[in-house]
Full PDB file with SEQRES, HELIX, SHEET, SSBOND, CRYST1, ORIGX, SCALE, CONECT and MASTER records, all heavy atoms in Angstrom:
SEQRES   1 A   45  ASN VAL PRO GLU LEU GLN SER VAL TYR SER GLU ALA VAL          
SEQRES   2 A   45  ALA ILE LEU PRO GLU ILE ASN ALA SER LYS THR ASN VAL          
SEQRES   3 A   45  GLN VAL SER GLU LYS ALA LEU ASP ILE ALA LYS GLY GLY          
SEQRES   4 A   45  TYR LEU PRO THR LEU SER                                      
HELIX    1 AA1 LEU A    5  ILE A   15  1                                  11    
HELIX    2 AA2 PRO A   17  LYS A   37  1                                  21    
HELIX    3 AA3 GLY A   38  TYR A   40  5                                   3    
CRYST1    1.000    1.000    1.000  90.00  90.00  90.00 P 1           1          
ORIGX1      1.000000  0.000000  0.000000        0.00000                         
ORIGX2      0.000000  1.000000  0.000000        0.00000                         
ORIGX3      0.000000  0.000000  1.000000        0.00000                         
SCALE1      1.000000  0.000000  0.000000        0.00000                         
SCALE2      0.000000  1.000000  0.000000        0.00000                         
SCALE3      0.000000  0.000000  1.000000        0.00000                         
ATOM      1  N   ASN A   1      -3.396  -2.687  34.069  1.00  0.00           N  
ATOM      2  CA  ASN A   1      -2.102  -2.074  33.805  1.00  0.00           C  
ATOM      3  C   ASN A   1      -2.087  -1.496  32.397  1.00  0.00           C  
ATOM      4  O   ASN A   1      -2.507  -2.151  31.437  1.00  0.00           O  
ATOM      5  CB  ASN A   1      -0.986  -3.108  33.961  1.00  0.00           C  
ATOM      6  CG  ASN A   1      -0.837  -3.583  35.398  1.00  0.00           C  
ATOM      7  OD1 ASN A   1      -1.104  -2.836  36.338  1.00  0.00           O  
ATOM      8  ND2 ASN A   1      -0.423  -4.824  35.568  1.00  0.00           N  
ATOM      9  N   VAL A   2      -1.577  -0.295  32.279  1.00  0.00           N  
ATOM     10  CA  VAL A   2      -1.540   0.380  30.979  1.00  0.00           C  
ATOM     11  C   VAL A   2      -0.270  -0.027  30.248  1.00  0.00           C  
ATOM     12  O   VAL A   2       0.830   0.145  30.770  1.00  0.00           O  
ATOM     13  CB  VAL A   2      -1.595   1.911  31.152  1.00  0.00           C  
ATOM     14  CG1 VAL A   2      -1.565   2.601  29.788  1.00  0.00           C  
ATOM     15  CG2 VAL A   2      -2.830   2.314  31.940  1.00  0.00           C  
ATOM     16  N   PRO A   3      -0.392  -0.571  29.033  1.00  0.00           N  
ATOM     17  CA  PRO A   3       0.814  -0.970  28.282  1.00  0.00           C  
ATOM     18  C   PRO A   3       1.603   0.248  27.831  1.00  0.00           C  
ATOM     19  O   PRO A   3       1.123   1.382  27.854  1.00  0.00           O  
ATOM     20  CB  PRO A   3       0.234  -1.738  27.094  1.00  0.00           C  
ATOM     21  CG  PRO A   3      -1.144  -1.191  26.918  1.00  0.00           C  
ATOM     22  CD  PRO A   3      -1.627  -0.850  28.304  1.00  0.00           C  
ATOM     23  N   GLU A   4       2.826   0.017  27.371  1.00  0.00           N  
ATOM     24  CA  GLU A   4       3.670   1.103  26.892  1.00  0.00           C  
ATOM     25  C   GLU A   4       3.103   1.678  25.593  1.00  0.00           C  
ATOM     26  O   GLU A   4       2.566   0.949  24.753  1.00  0.00           O  
ATOM     27  CB  GLU A   4       5.100   0.609  26.651  1.00  0.00           C  
ATOM     28  CG  GLU A   4       5.833   0.190  27.928  1.00  0.00           C  
ATOM     29  CD  GLU A   4       7.258  -0.232  27.632  1.00  0.00           C  
ATOM     30  OE1 GLU A   4       7.635  -0.259  26.438  1.00  0.00           O  
ATOM     31  OE2 GLU A   4       7.984  -0.538  28.598  1.00  0.00           O  
ATOM     32  N   LEU A   5       3.243   2.986  25.451  1.00  0.00           N  
ATOM     33  CA  LEU A   5       2.686   3.685  24.288  1.00  0.00           C  
ATOM     34  C   LEU A   5       3.256   3.146  22.989  1.00  0.00           C  
ATOM     35  O   LEU A   5       2.502   2.848  22.047  1.00  0.00           O  
ATOM     36  CB  LEU A   5       2.958   5.185  24.411  1.00  0.00           C  
ATOM     37  CG  LEU A   5       2.615   6.047  23.187  1.00  0.00           C  
ATOM     38  CD1 LEU A   5       1.147   5.936  22.839  1.00  0.00           C  
ATOM     39  CD2 LEU A   5       3.007   7.502  23.434  1.00  0.00           C  
ATOM     40  N   GLN A   6       4.567   3.020  22.899  1.00  0.00           N  
ATOM     41  CA  GLN A   6       5.188   2.592  21.652  1.00  0.00           C  
ATOM     42  C   GLN A   6       4.778   1.172  21.284  1.00  0.00           C  
ATOM     43  O   GLN A   6       4.620   0.843  20.104  1.00  0.00           O  
ATOM     44  CB  GLN A   6       6.717   2.684  21.751  1.00  0.00           C  
ATOM     45  CG  GLN A   6       7.425   2.595  20.415  1.00  0.00           C  
ATOM     46  CD  GLN A   6       6.982   3.672  19.425  1.00  0.00           C  
ATOM     47  OE1 GLN A   6       6.854   4.844  19.781  1.00  0.00           O  
ATOM     48  NE2 GLN A   6       6.734   3.280  18.177  1.00  0.00           N  
ATOM     49  N   SER A   7       4.567   0.337  22.295  1.00  0.00           N  
ATOM     50  CA  SER A   7       4.131  -1.035  22.042  1.00  0.00           C  
ATOM     51  C   SER A   7       2.734  -1.057  21.433  1.00  0.00           C  
ATOM     52  O   SER A   7       2.469  -1.804  20.480  1.00  0.00           O  
ATOM     53  CB  SER A   7       4.150  -1.844  23.349  1.00  0.00           C  
ATOM     54  OG  SER A   7       3.588  -3.114  23.161  1.00  0.00           O  
ATOM     55  N   VAL A   8       1.852  -0.233  21.978  1.00  0.00           N  
ATOM     56  CA  VAL A   8       0.483  -0.161  21.450  1.00  0.00           C  
ATOM     57  C   VAL A   8       0.491   0.349  20.014  1.00  0.00           C  
ATOM     58  O   VAL A   8      -0.184  -0.208  19.130  1.00  0.00           O  
ATOM     59  CB  VAL A   8      -0.399   0.750  22.329  1.00  0.00           C  
ATOM     60  CG1 VAL A   8      -1.797   0.880  21.735  1.00  0.00           C  
ATOM     61  CG2 VAL A   8      -0.483   0.205  23.747  1.00  0.00           C  
ATOM     62  N   TYR A   9       1.296   1.378  19.759  1.00  0.00           N  
ATOM     63  CA  TYR A   9       1.325   1.954  18.406  1.00  0.00           C  
ATOM     64  C   TYR A   9       1.904   0.964  17.397  1.00  0.00           C  
ATOM     65  O   TYR A   9       1.394   0.835  16.275  1.00  0.00           O  
ATOM     66  CB  TYR A   9       2.151   3.241  18.392  1.00  0.00           C  
ATOM     67  CG  TYR A   9       2.330   3.800  17.000  1.00  0.00           C  
ATOM     68  CD1 TYR A   9       1.262   4.385  16.323  1.00  0.00           C  
ATOM     69  CD2 TYR A   9       3.564   3.720  16.355  1.00  0.00           C  
ATOM     70  CE1 TYR A   9       1.409   4.879  15.040  1.00  0.00           C  
ATOM     71  CE2 TYR A   9       3.721   4.216  15.068  1.00  0.00           C  
ATOM     72  CZ  TYR A   9       2.641   4.791  14.420  1.00  0.00           C  
ATOM     73  OH  TYR A   9       2.788   5.268  13.149  1.00  0.00           O  
ATOM     74  N   SER A  10       2.963   0.267  17.792  1.00  0.00           N  
ATOM     75  CA  SER A  10       3.585  -0.698  16.874  1.00  0.00           C  
ATOM     76  C   SER A  10       2.600  -1.789  16.469  1.00  0.00           C  
ATOM     77  O   SER A  10       2.547  -2.203  15.300  1.00  0.00           O  
ATOM     78  CB  SER A  10       4.820  -1.323  17.530  1.00  0.00           C  
ATOM     79  OG  SER A  10       5.803  -0.340  17.799  1.00  0.00           O  
ATOM     80  N   GLU A  11       1.808  -2.253  17.432  1.00  0.00           N  
ATOM     81  CA  GLU A  11       0.814  -3.276  17.118  1.00  0.00           C  
ATOM     82  C   GLU A  11      -0.304  -2.708  16.257  1.00  0.00           C  
ATOM     83  O   GLU A  11      -0.778  -3.357  15.317  1.00  0.00           O  
ATOM     84  CB  GLU A  11       0.249  -3.871  18.409  1.00  0.00           C  
ATOM     85  CG  GLU A  11       1.271  -4.677  19.198  1.00  0.00           C  
ATOM     86  CD  GLU A  11       0.736  -5.161  20.530  1.00  0.00           C  
ATOM     87  OE1 GLU A  11      -0.212  -4.536  21.046  1.00  0.00           O  
ATOM     88  OE2 GLU A  11       1.263  -6.157  21.043  1.00  0.00           O  
ATOM     89  N   ALA A  12      -0.709  -1.477  16.558  1.00  0.00           N  
ATOM     90  CA  ALA A  12      -1.799  -0.852  15.803  1.00  0.00           C  
ATOM     91  C   ALA A  12      -1.401  -0.614  14.350  1.00  0.00           C  
ATOM     92  O   ALA A  12      -2.187  -0.893  13.428  1.00  0.00           O  
ATOM     93  CB  ALA A  12      -2.213   0.458  16.465  1.00  0.00           C  
ATOM     94  N   VAL A  13      -0.202  -0.101  14.128  1.00  0.00           N  
ATOM     95  CA  VAL A  13       0.216   0.226  12.763  1.00  0.00           C  
ATOM     96  C   VAL A  13       0.404  -1.035  11.924  1.00  0.00           C  
ATOM     97  O   VAL A  13       0.348  -0.987  10.684  1.00  0.00           O  
ATOM     98  CB  VAL A  13       1.511   1.071  12.794  1.00  0.00           C  
ATOM     99  CG1 VAL A  13       2.741   0.207  13.005  1.00  0.00           C  
ATOM    100  CG2 VAL A  13       1.657   1.904  11.516  1.00  0.00           C  
ATOM    101  N   ALA A  14       0.594  -2.176  12.604  1.00  0.00           N  
ATOM    102  CA  ALA A  14       0.799  -3.431  11.879  1.00  0.00           C  
ATOM    103  C   ALA A  14      -0.518  -4.115  11.507  1.00  0.00           C  
ATOM    104  O   ALA A  14      -0.576  -4.847  10.518  1.00  0.00           O  
ATOM    105  CB  ALA A  14       1.658  -4.377  12.719  1.00  0.00           C  
ATOM    106  N   ILE A  15      -1.581  -3.877  12.285  1.00  0.00           N  
ATOM    107  CA  ILE A  15      -2.807  -4.661  12.086  1.00  0.00           C  
ATOM    108  C   ILE A  15      -4.000  -3.853  11.610  1.00  0.00           C  
ATOM    109  O   ILE A  15      -4.924  -4.419  11.011  1.00  0.00           O  
ATOM    110  CB  ILE A  15      -3.204  -5.399  13.390  1.00  0.00           C  
ATOM    111  CG1 ILE A  15      -3.542  -4.386  14.495  1.00  0.00           C  
ATOM    112  CG2 ILE A  15      -2.110  -6.340  13.831  1.00  0.00           C  
ATOM    113  CD1 ILE A  15      -4.074  -5.024  15.758  1.00  0.00           C  
ATOM    114  N   LEU A  16      -4.039  -2.557  11.845  1.00  0.00           N  
ATOM    115  CA  LEU A  16      -5.248  -1.799  11.519  1.00  0.00           C  
ATOM    116  C   LEU A  16      -5.445  -1.706  10.007  1.00  0.00           C  
ATOM    117  O   LEU A  16      -4.502  -1.406   9.256  1.00  0.00           O  
ATOM    118  CB  LEU A  16      -5.199  -0.406  12.139  1.00  0.00           C  
ATOM    119  CG  LEU A  16      -5.410  -0.356  13.656  1.00  0.00           C  
ATOM    120  CD1 LEU A  16      -5.484   1.079  14.134  1.00  0.00           C  
ATOM    121  CD2 LEU A  16      -6.671  -1.100  14.066  1.00  0.00           C  
ATOM    122  N   PRO A  17      -6.657  -1.951   9.524  1.00  0.00           N  
ATOM    123  CA  PRO A  17      -6.906  -1.993   8.076  1.00  0.00           C  
ATOM    124  C   PRO A  17      -6.689  -0.671   7.372  1.00  0.00           C  
ATOM    125  O   PRO A  17      -6.303  -0.658   6.201  1.00  0.00           O  
ATOM    126  CB  PRO A  17      -8.365  -2.444   7.991  1.00  0.00           C  
ATOM    127  CG  PRO A  17      -8.971  -2.112   9.314  1.00  0.00           C  
ATOM    128  CD  PRO A  17      -7.861  -2.271  10.302  1.00  0.00           C  
ATOM    129  N   GLU A  18      -6.923   0.468   8.049  1.00  0.00           N  
ATOM    130  CA  GLU A  18      -6.751   1.740   7.358  1.00  0.00           C  
ATOM    131  C   GLU A  18      -5.292   1.979   6.970  1.00  0.00           C  
ATOM    132  O   GLU A  18      -5.004   2.597   5.936  1.00  0.00           O  
ATOM    133  CB  GLU A  18      -7.282   2.905   8.188  1.00  0.00           C  
ATOM    134  CG  GLU A  18      -6.721   2.997   9.600  1.00  0.00           C  
ATOM    135  CD  GLU A  18      -7.642   2.355  10.612  1.00  0.00           C  
ATOM    136  OE1 GLU A  18      -8.162   1.267  10.304  1.00  0.00           O  
ATOM    137  OE2 GLU A  18      -7.817   2.927  11.705  1.00  0.00           O  
ATOM    138  N   ILE A  19      -4.352   1.485   7.800  1.00  0.00           N  
ATOM    139  CA  ILE A  19      -2.932   1.614   7.469  1.00  0.00           C  
ATOM    140  C   ILE A  19      -2.579   0.681   6.318  1.00  0.00           C  
ATOM    141  O   ILE A  19      -1.925   1.073   5.344  1.00  0.00           O  
ATOM    142  CB  ILE A  19      -2.068   1.311   8.699  1.00  0.00           C  
ATOM    143  CG1 ILE A  19      -2.389   2.282   9.844  1.00  0.00           C  
ATOM    144  CG2 ILE A  19      -0.585   1.413   8.328  1.00  0.00           C  
ATOM    145  CD1 ILE A  19      -2.157   3.733   9.532  1.00  0.00           C  
ATOM    146  N   ASN A  20      -3.019  -0.568   6.420  1.00  0.00           N  
ATOM    147  CA  ASN A  20      -2.730  -1.535   5.355  1.00  0.00           C  
ATOM    148  C   ASN A  20      -3.417  -1.149   4.046  1.00  0.00           C  
ATOM    149  O   ASN A  20      -2.886  -1.421   2.961  1.00  0.00           O  
ATOM    150  CB  ASN A  20      -3.160  -2.937   5.800  1.00  0.00           C  
ATOM    151  CG  ASN A  20      -2.269  -3.480   6.909  1.00  0.00           C  
ATOM    152  OD1 ASN A  20      -1.065  -3.263   6.892  1.00  0.00           O  
ATOM    153  ND2 ASN A  20      -2.857  -4.181   7.862  1.00  0.00           N  
ATOM    154  N   ALA A  21      -4.596  -0.522   4.142  1.00  0.00           N  
ATOM    155  CA  ALA A  21      -5.276  -0.055   2.931  1.00  0.00           C  
ATOM    156  C   ALA A  21      -4.468   1.052   2.249  1.00  0.00           C  
ATOM    157  O   ALA A  21      -4.377   1.111   1.019  1.00  0.00           O  
ATOM    158  CB  ALA A  21      -6.679   0.439   3.265  1.00  0.00           C  
ATOM    159  N   SER A  22      -3.858   1.932   3.046  1.00  0.00           N  
ATOM    160  CA  SER A  22      -3.019   2.996   2.476  1.00  0.00           C  
ATOM    161  C   SER A  22      -1.755   2.419   1.847  1.00  0.00           C  
ATOM    162  O   SER A  22      -1.291   2.902   0.806  1.00  0.00           O  
ATOM    163  CB  SER A  22      -2.650   4.008   3.571  1.00  0.00           C  
ATOM    164  OG  SER A  22      -3.783   4.740   3.983  1.00  0.00           O  
ATOM    165  N   LYS A  23      -1.195   1.373   2.487  1.00  0.00           N  
ATOM    166  CA  LYS A  23      -0.026   0.717   1.883  1.00  0.00           C  
ATOM    167  C   LYS A  23      -0.414   0.070   0.555  1.00  0.00           C  
ATOM    168  O   LYS A  23       0.343   0.154  -0.426  1.00  0.00           O  
ATOM    169  CB  LYS A  23       0.523  -0.335   2.844  1.00  0.00           C  
ATOM    170  CG  LYS A  23       1.158   0.244   4.107  1.00  0.00           C  
ATOM    171  CD  LYS A  23       1.638  -0.869   5.025  1.00  0.00           C  
ATOM    172  CE  LYS A  23       2.257  -0.298   6.297  1.00  0.00           C  
ATOM    173  NZ  LYS A  23       2.682  -1.378   7.242  1.00  0.00           N  
ATOM    174  N   THR A  24      -1.568  -0.560   0.528  1.00  0.00           N  
ATOM    175  CA  THR A  24      -2.045  -1.177  -0.712  1.00  0.00           C  
ATOM    176  C   THR A  24      -2.300  -0.127  -1.781  1.00  0.00           C  
ATOM    177  O   THR A  24      -2.088  -0.369  -2.975  1.00  0.00           O  
ATOM    178  CB  THR A  24      -3.325  -1.984  -0.450  1.00  0.00           C  
ATOM    179  OG1 THR A  24      -3.085  -2.935   0.591  1.00  0.00           O  
ATOM    180  CG2 THR A  24      -3.780  -2.723  -1.694  1.00  0.00           C  
ATOM    181  N   ASN A  25      -2.753   1.046  -1.356  1.00  0.00           N  
ATOM    182  CA  ASN A  25      -3.018   2.122  -2.308  1.00  0.00           C  
ATOM    183  C   ASN A  25      -1.742   2.559  -3.028  1.00  0.00           C  
ATOM    184  O   ASN A  25      -1.782   2.932  -4.207  1.00  0.00           O  
ATOM    185  CB  ASN A  25      -3.645   3.318  -1.586  1.00  0.00           C  
ATOM    186  CG  ASN A  25      -4.203   4.350  -2.547  1.00  0.00           C  
ATOM    187  OD1 ASN A  25      -4.861   4.017  -3.522  1.00  0.00           O  
ATOM    188  ND2 ASN A  25      -3.919   5.613  -2.282  1.00  0.00           N  
ATOM    189  N   VAL A  26      -0.614   2.503  -2.325  1.00  0.00           N  
ATOM    190  CA  VAL A  26       0.670   2.810  -2.975  1.00  0.00           C  
ATOM    191  C   VAL A  26       0.948   1.784  -4.064  1.00  0.00           C  
ATOM    192  O   VAL A  26       1.367   2.128  -5.180  1.00  0.00           O  
ATOM    193  CB  VAL A  26       1.806   2.822  -1.924  1.00  0.00           C  
ATOM    194  CG1 VAL A  26       3.154   3.019  -2.623  1.00  0.00           C  
ATOM    195  CG2 VAL A  26       1.592   3.930  -0.902  1.00  0.00           C  
ATOM    196  N   GLN A  27       0.689   0.508  -3.771  1.00  0.00           N  
ATOM    197  CA  GLN A  27       0.906  -0.550  -4.757  1.00  0.00           C  
ATOM    198  C   GLN A  27      -0.042  -0.408  -5.949  1.00  0.00           C  
ATOM    199  O   GLN A  27       0.349  -0.634  -7.104  1.00  0.00           O  
ATOM    200  CB  GLN A  27       0.718  -1.918  -4.098  1.00  0.00           C  
ATOM    201  CG  GLN A  27       1.731  -2.212  -3.001  1.00  0.00           C  
ATOM    202  CD  GLN A  27       1.435  -3.523  -2.292  1.00  0.00           C  
ATOM    203  OE1 GLN A  27       0.342  -3.735  -1.781  1.00  0.00           O  
ATOM    204  NE2 GLN A  27       2.414  -4.413  -2.264  1.00  0.00           N  
ATOM    205  N   VAL A  28      -1.276  -0.019  -5.677  1.00  0.00           N  
ATOM    206  CA  VAL A  28      -2.246   0.214  -6.756  1.00  0.00           C  
ATOM    207  C   VAL A  28      -1.744   1.329  -7.677  1.00  0.00           C  
ATOM    208  O   VAL A  28      -1.813   1.225  -8.910  1.00  0.00           O  
ATOM    209  CB  VAL A  28      -3.632   0.576  -6.176  1.00  0.00           C  
ATOM    210  CG1 VAL A  28      -4.572   1.052  -7.274  1.00  0.00           C  
ATOM    211  CG2 VAL A  28      -4.242  -0.631  -5.463  1.00  0.00           C  
ATOM    212  N   SER A  29      -1.211   2.382  -7.081  1.00  0.00           N  
ATOM    213  CA  SER A  29      -0.696   3.504  -7.876  1.00  0.00           C  
ATOM    214  C   SER A  29       0.538   3.089  -8.677  1.00  0.00           C  
ATOM    215  O   SER A  29       0.738   3.555  -9.811  1.00  0.00           O  
ATOM    216  CB  SER A  29      -0.352   4.677  -6.952  1.00  0.00           C  
ATOM    217  OG  SER A  29      -1.505   5.124  -6.255  1.00  0.00           O  
ATOM    218  N   GLU A  30       1.347   2.213  -8.123  1.00  0.00           N  
ATOM    219  CA  GLU A  30       2.526   1.729  -8.850  1.00  0.00           C  
ATOM    220  C   GLU A  30       2.111   0.892 -10.060  1.00  0.00           C  
ATOM    221  O   GLU A  30       2.747   0.970 -11.123  1.00  0.00           O  
ATOM    222  CB  GLU A  30       3.416   0.906  -7.910  1.00  0.00           C  
ATOM    223  CG  GLU A  30       4.123   1.761  -6.860  1.00  0.00           C  
ATOM    224  CD  GLU A  30       4.837   0.926  -5.801  1.00  0.00           C  
ATOM    225  OE1 GLU A  30       4.548  -0.291  -5.714  1.00  0.00           O  
ATOM    226  OE2 GLU A  30       5.656   1.490  -5.052  1.00  0.00           O  
ATOM    227  N   LYS A  31       1.069   0.085  -9.902  1.00  0.00           N  
ATOM    228  CA  LYS A  31       0.566  -0.677 -11.049  1.00  0.00           C  
ATOM    229  C   LYS A  31      -0.022   0.252 -12.108  1.00  0.00           C  
ATOM    230  O   LYS A  31       0.063  -0.012 -13.309  1.00  0.00           O  
ATOM    231  CB  LYS A  31      -0.488  -1.685 -10.591  1.00  0.00           C  
ATOM    232  CG  LYS A  31       0.102  -2.927  -9.965  1.00  0.00           C  
ATOM    233  CD  LYS A  31       1.018  -3.621 -10.950  1.00  0.00           C  
ATOM    234  CE  LYS A  31       1.890  -4.659 -10.268  1.00  0.00           C  
ATOM    235  NZ  LYS A  31       2.954  -5.162 -11.158  1.00  0.00           N  
ATOM    236  N   ALA A  32      -0.642   1.341 -11.671  1.00  0.00           N  
ATOM    237  CA  ALA A  32      -1.163   2.322 -12.631  1.00  0.00           C  
ATOM    238  C   ALA A  32      -0.029   2.918 -13.464  1.00  0.00           C  
ATOM    239  O   ALA A  32      -0.203   3.204 -14.662  1.00  0.00           O  
ATOM    240  CB  ALA A  32      -1.926   3.415 -11.897  1.00  0.00           C  
ATOM    241  N   LEU A  33       1.135   3.086 -12.839  1.00  0.00           N  
ATOM    242  CA  LEU A  33       2.300   3.579 -13.583  1.00  0.00           C  
ATOM    243  C   LEU A  33       2.750   2.561 -14.619  1.00  0.00           C  
ATOM    244  O   LEU A  33       3.068   2.921 -15.770  1.00  0.00           O  
ATOM    245  CB  LEU A  33       3.437   3.885 -12.610  1.00  0.00           C  
ATOM    246  CG  LEU A  33       4.760   4.335 -13.237  1.00  0.00           C  
ATOM    247  CD1 LEU A  33       4.571   5.622 -14.037  1.00  0.00           C  
ATOM    248  CD2 LEU A  33       5.836   4.514 -12.167  1.00  0.00           C  
ATOM    249  N   ASP A  34       2.779   1.280 -14.236  1.00  0.00           N  
ATOM    250  CA  ASP A  34       3.157   0.231 -15.196  1.00  0.00           C  
ATOM    251  C   ASP A  34       2.178   0.191 -16.377  1.00  0.00           C  
ATOM    252  O   ASP A  34       2.586   0.000 -17.532  1.00  0.00           O  
ATOM    253  CB  ASP A  34       3.172  -1.130 -14.506  1.00  0.00           C  
ATOM    254  CG  ASP A  34       4.289  -1.242 -13.477  1.00  0.00           C  
ATOM    255  OD1 ASP A  34       5.274  -0.483 -13.587  1.00  0.00           O  
ATOM    256  OD2 ASP A  34       4.161  -2.074 -12.553  1.00  0.00           O  
ATOM    257  N   ILE A  35       0.898   0.366 -16.065  1.00  0.00           N  
ATOM    258  CA  ILE A  35      -0.119   0.370 -17.129  1.00  0.00           C  
ATOM    259  C   ILE A  35       0.103   1.551 -18.067  1.00  0.00           C  
ATOM    260  O   ILE A  35       0.027   1.424 -19.303  1.00  0.00           O  
ATOM    261  CB  ILE A  35      -1.529   0.413 -16.517  1.00  0.00           C  
ATOM    262  CG1 ILE A  35      -1.825  -0.889 -15.764  1.00  0.00           C  
ATOM    263  CG2 ILE A  35      -2.583   0.636 -17.599  1.00  0.00           C  
ATOM    264  CD1 ILE A  35      -3.081  -0.851 -14.927  1.00  0.00           C  
ATOM    265  N   ALA A  36       0.399   2.711 -17.490  1.00  0.00           N  
ATOM    266  CA  ALA A  36       0.615   3.903 -18.313  1.00  0.00           C  
ATOM    267  C   ALA A  36       1.843   3.739 -19.204  1.00  0.00           C  
ATOM    268  O   ALA A  36       1.826   4.114 -20.393  1.00  0.00           O  
ATOM    269  CB  ALA A  36       0.756   5.132 -17.424  1.00  0.00           C  
ATOM    270  N   LYS A  37       2.912   3.151 -18.678  1.00  0.00           N  
ATOM    271  CA  LYS A  37       4.127   2.941 -19.481  1.00  0.00           C  
ATOM    272  C   LYS A  37       3.880   1.968 -20.626  1.00  0.00           C  
ATOM    273  O   LYS A  37       4.555   2.025 -21.661  1.00  0.00           O  
ATOM    274  CB  LYS A  37       5.255   2.421 -18.590  1.00  0.00           C  
ATOM    275  CG  LYS A  37       5.828   3.474 -17.648  1.00  0.00           C  
ATOM    276  CD  LYS A  37       6.948   2.885 -16.800  1.00  0.00           C  
ATOM    277  CE  LYS A  37       7.573   3.951 -15.902  1.00  0.00           C  
ATOM    278  NZ  LYS A  37       8.652   3.374 -15.045  1.00  0.00           N  
ATOM    279  N   GLY A  38       2.919   1.071 -20.452  1.00  0.00           N  
ATOM    280  CA  GLY A  38       2.582   0.137 -21.518  1.00  0.00           C  
ATOM    281  C   GLY A  38       2.073   0.833 -22.766  1.00  0.00           C  
ATOM    282  O   GLY A  38       2.068   0.236 -23.856  1.00  0.00           O  
ATOM    283  N   GLY A  39       1.631   2.083 -22.610  1.00  0.00           N  
ATOM    284  CA  GLY A  39       1.149   2.839 -23.769  1.00  0.00           C  
ATOM    285  C   GLY A  39       2.240   3.160 -24.774  1.00  0.00           C  
ATOM    286  O   GLY A  39       1.951   3.524 -25.921  1.00  0.00           O  
ATOM    287  N   TYR A  40       3.539   3.045 -24.355  1.00  0.00           N  
ATOM    288  CA  TYR A  40       4.649   3.289 -25.280  1.00  0.00           C  
ATOM    289  C   TYR A  40       4.912   2.086 -26.186  1.00  0.00           C  
ATOM    290  O   TYR A  40       5.602   2.201 -27.193  1.00  0.00           O  
ATOM    291  CB  TYR A  40       5.931   3.586 -24.501  1.00  0.00           C  
ATOM    292  CG  TYR A  40       5.957   4.941 -23.831  1.00  0.00           C  
ATOM    293  CD1 TYR A  40       6.160   5.062 -22.459  1.00  0.00           C  
ATOM    294  CD2 TYR A  40       5.806   6.111 -24.582  1.00  0.00           C  
ATOM    295  CE1 TYR A  40       6.213   6.298 -21.846  1.00  0.00           C  
ATOM    296  CE2 TYR A  40       5.845   7.360 -23.970  1.00  0.00           C  
ATOM    297  CZ  TYR A  40       6.056   7.449 -22.597  1.00  0.00           C  
ATOM    298  OH  TYR A  40       6.095   8.670 -21.996  1.00  0.00           O  
ATOM    299  N   LEU A  41       4.390   0.910 -25.826  1.00  0.00           N  
ATOM    300  CA  LEU A  41       4.712  -0.332 -26.532  1.00  0.00           C  
ATOM    301  C   LEU A  41       3.629  -0.671 -27.559  1.00  0.00           C  
ATOM    302  O   LEU A  41       2.478  -0.247 -27.431  1.00  0.00           O  
ATOM    303  CB  LEU A  41       4.859  -1.475 -25.523  1.00  0.00           C  
ATOM    304  CG  LEU A  41       5.936  -1.264 -24.449  1.00  0.00           C  
ATOM    305  CD1 LEU A  41       5.932  -2.424 -23.457  1.00  0.00           C  
ATOM    306  CD2 LEU A  41       7.322  -1.111 -25.091  1.00  0.00           C  
ATOM    307  N   PRO A  42       3.998  -1.477 -28.586  1.00  0.00           N  
ATOM    308  CA  PRO A  42       3.021  -1.833 -29.622  1.00  0.00           C  
ATOM    309  C   PRO A  42       1.990  -2.838 -29.115  1.00  0.00           C  
ATOM    310  O   PRO A  42       2.195  -3.499 -28.091  1.00  0.00           O  
ATOM    311  CB  PRO A  42       3.889  -2.447 -30.727  1.00  0.00           C  
ATOM    312  CG  PRO A  42       5.100  -2.956 -30.027  1.00  0.00           C  
ATOM    313  CD  PRO A  42       5.345  -1.994 -28.891  1.00  0.00           C  
ATOM    314  N   THR A  43       0.900  -2.944 -29.856  1.00  0.00           N  
ATOM    315  CA  THR A  43      -0.166  -3.902 -29.563  1.00  0.00           C  
ATOM    316  C   THR A  43      -0.272  -4.886 -30.715  1.00  0.00           C  
ATOM    317  O   THR A  43      -0.365  -4.478 -31.883  1.00  0.00           O  
ATOM    318  CB  THR A  43      -1.508  -3.175 -29.378  1.00  0.00           C  
ATOM    319  OG1 THR A  43      -1.422  -2.271 -28.282  1.00  0.00           O  
ATOM    320  CG2 THR A  43      -2.626  -4.182 -29.104  1.00  0.00           C  
ATOM    321  N   LEU A  44      -0.232  -6.170 -30.385  1.00  0.00           N  
ATOM    322  CA  LEU A  44      -0.340  -7.220 -31.391  1.00  0.00           C  
ATOM    323  C   LEU A  44      -1.631  -7.989 -31.155  1.00  0.00           C  
ATOM    324  O   LEU A  44      -1.875  -8.488 -30.054  1.00  0.00           O  
ATOM    325  CB  LEU A  44       0.852  -8.174 -31.309  1.00  0.00           C  
ATOM    326  CG  LEU A  44       0.858  -9.360 -32.294  1.00  0.00           C  
ATOM    327  CD1 LEU A  44       0.923  -8.855 -33.736  1.00  0.00           C  
ATOM    328  CD2 LEU A  44       2.010 -10.314 -31.990  1.00  0.00           C  
ATOM    329  N   SER A  45      -2.464  -8.098 -32.201  1.00  0.00           N  
ATOM    330  CA  SER A  45      -3.759  -8.769 -32.092  1.00  0.00           C  
ATOM    331  C   SER A  45      -3.892  -9.824 -33.176  1.00  0.00           C  
ATOM    332  O   SER A  45      -3.372  -9.674 -34.293  1.00  0.00           O  
ATOM    333  CB  SER A  45      -4.904  -7.759 -32.214  1.00  0.00           C  
ATOM    334  OG  SER A  45      -4.821  -6.769 -31.216  1.00  0.00           O  
TER     335      SER A  45                                                      
MASTER        0    0    0    3    0    0    0    6  334    1    0    4          
END                                                                             
């Protein structure tokens, strides 16, 4: 029996690594922004 299309897609988008890797890439880019903003602040050594 062939499952429903939307059911298959919902499961795929939740588990496939390429989708989760792209979501993680957004988080990586957000951290890069935080790092860049740190350049406005002083450094104490």
